[in-house]
Amino acid sequence: MSEFILIFRRDYKTADAQPSPEKLQESLKQWQEWFTSLAENDMLARPVQRLDAVGKLIKGSTIVEGPYTEVKESIGGLVIIKANDYDEAVEIAESCPVLALGGNVEIRQGL
């Protein structure tokens, strides 16, 4: 079994792309259920990592405020899962709640 990182991205900047309070609450419930399912099926390799919405980006000798000042889409969190191969990691990622909010999941295998 290998470890894969799932990196969750979506547009956190554009006002029209933000979910309503009701949809956000439903999404949070789906996230909790999804993580619980991963944990119950022994697919979580490491604890879930949610990232703060603010940060700093270093570009050469310049420090820029915010991790996504030049792009609308940014990383909202990540998790490290256990899967046999990329196909299984993709299958797990396809049920990620960020997809319902127009986001995406990047999958990388740990070496």
Protein backbone atom coordinates (compact mmCIF):
# COMPACT_ATOMS: atom_id res chain seq x y z
CA MET A 1 0.00 0.00 0.00
CA SER A 2 1.29 3.49 -0.89
CA GLU A 3 0.59 6.97 0.41
CA PHE A 4 -1.05 9.58 -1.80
CA ILE A 5 -1.66 13.22 -1.02
CA LEU A 6 -5.01 14.68 -2.05
CA ILE A 7 -4.80 18.46 -2.43
CA PHE A 8 -8.15 20.26 -2.41
CA ARG A 9 -8.55 23.42 -4.48
CA ARG A 10 -11.40 25.72 -5.36
CA ASP A 11 -12.14 29.37 -6.05
CA TYR A 12 -12.25 31.08 -2.65
CA LYS A 13 -11.99 34.58 -4.12
CA THR A 14 -14.79 35.20 -6.63
CA ALA A 15 -18.01 36.26 -4.86
CA ASP A 16 -20.28 34.42 -7.31
CA ALA A 17 -18.37 31.16 -6.79
CA GLN A 18 -19.02 31.07 -3.03
CA PRO A 19 -21.68 28.68 -1.72
CA SER A 20 -24.73 29.95 0.13
CA PRO A 21 -24.67 29.50 3.92
CA GLU A 22 -27.03 26.54 3.52
CA LYS A 23 -24.89 24.88 0.85
CA LEU A 24 -21.78 25.51 2.94
CA GLN A 25 -23.37 23.79 5.96
CA GLU A 26 -24.36 20.82 3.79
CA SER A 27 -20.84 20.70 2.38
CA LEU A 28 -19.32 20.66 5.88
CA LYS A 29 -21.57 17.72 6.76
CA GLN A 30 -20.44 15.90 3.59
CA TRP A 31 -16.78 16.56 4.46
CA GLN A 32 -17.28 15.12 7.96
CA GLU A 33 -18.99 12.03 6.54
CA TRP A 34 -16.29 11.60 3.88
CA PHE A 35 -13.43 11.84 6.40
CA THR A 36 -15.24 9.50 8.78
CA SER A 37 -15.65 6.97 5.97
CA LEU A 38 -11.95 7.20 5.06
CA ALA A 39 -10.97 6.71 8.72
CA GLU A 40 -13.37 3.79 9.24
CA ASN A 41 -11.98 2.06 6.14
CA ASP A 42 -8.37 2.62 7.27
CA MET A 43 -7.63 4.81 4.26
CA LEU A 44 -6.23 7.80 6.18
CA ALA A 45 -2.47 7.71 6.47
CA ARG A 46 -2.17 11.00 8.35
CA PRO A 47 -4.51 13.42 10.08
CA VAL A 48 -6.56 15.78 7.94
CA GLN A 49 -4.89 19.13 7.28
CA ARG A 50 -7.05 22.19 6.75
CA LEU A 51 -5.18 25.31 5.76
CA ASP A 52 -5.72 28.87 6.90
CA ALA A 53 -7.12 31.20 4.22
CA VAL A 54 -4.23 33.63 4.65
CA GLY A 55 -0.55 33.10 4.20
CA LYS A 56 2.58 34.39 2.57
CA LEU A 57 4.22 33.53 -0.71
CA ILE A 58 7.94 34.02 -1.27
CA LYS A 59 8.94 34.84 -4.85
CA GLY A 60 12.65 35.40 -5.10
CA SER A 61 13.37 38.15 -2.59
CA THR A 62 9.76 39.40 -2.50
CA ILE A 63 7.22 38.33 0.13
CA VAL A 64 3.62 38.51 -1.08
CA GLU A 65 0.64 38.54 1.29
CA GLY A 66 -1.84 35.71 0.80
CA PRO A 67 -1.12 32.39 -0.84
CA TYR A 68 -3.24 33.17 -3.90
CA THR A 69 -2.94 36.83 -4.76
CA GLU A 70 -2.54 36.13 -8.48
CA VAL A 71 -5.04 33.30 -8.92
CA LYS A 72 -8.67 32.77 -7.98
CA GLU A 73 -8.26 29.09 -7.17
CA SER A 74 -6.25 28.14 -4.10
CA ILE A 75 -5.48 25.20 -1.86
CA GLY A 76 -7.98 24.83 0.98
CA GLY A 77 -6.57 21.71 2.55
CA LEU A 78 -5.00 18.34 2.06
CA VAL A 79 -5.07 14.79 3.34
CA ILE A 80 -2.71 11.87 2.99
CA ILE A 81 -4.46 8.61 2.20
CA LYS A 82 -3.47 4.99 1.74
CA ALA A 83 -4.26 3.33 -1.60
CA ASN A 84 -2.85 0.48 -3.66
CA ASP A 85 -2.25 2.60 -6.78
CA TYR A 86 -3.30 5.76 -8.61
CA ASP A 87 -6.52 4.15 -9.81
CA GLU A 88 -7.64 3.50 -6.25
CA ALA A 89 -6.54 7.00 -5.17
CA VAL A 90 -8.59 8.48 -8.03
CA GLU A 91 -11.60 6.42 -6.95
CA ILE A 92 -11.29 7.79 -3.42
CA ALA A 93 -10.81 11.37 -4.67
CA GLU A 94 -13.85 11.18 -6.95
CA SER A 95 -16.10 11.19 -3.88
CA CYS A 96 -14.46 14.29 -2.36
CA PRO A 97 -17.01 17.00 -1.40
CA VAL A 98 -14.89 19.81 -2.89
CA LEU A 99 -15.98 18.62 -6.34
CA ALA A 100 -19.61 19.52 -5.57
CA LEU A 101 -18.46 23.11 -4.92
CA GLY A 102 -16.71 23.39 -8.28
CA GLY A 103 -13.30 22.58 -6.84
CA ASN A 104 -10.79 19.94 -7.82
CA VAL A 105 -8.47 17.41 -6.22
CA GLU A 106 -4.84 16.98 -7.17
CA ILE A 107 -3.39 13.54 -6.45
CA ARG A 108 0.31 12.93 -5.89
CA GLN A 109 2.02 9.75 -4.75
CA GLY A 110 4.51 10.03 -1.92
CA LEU A 111 7.96 8.66 -2.66
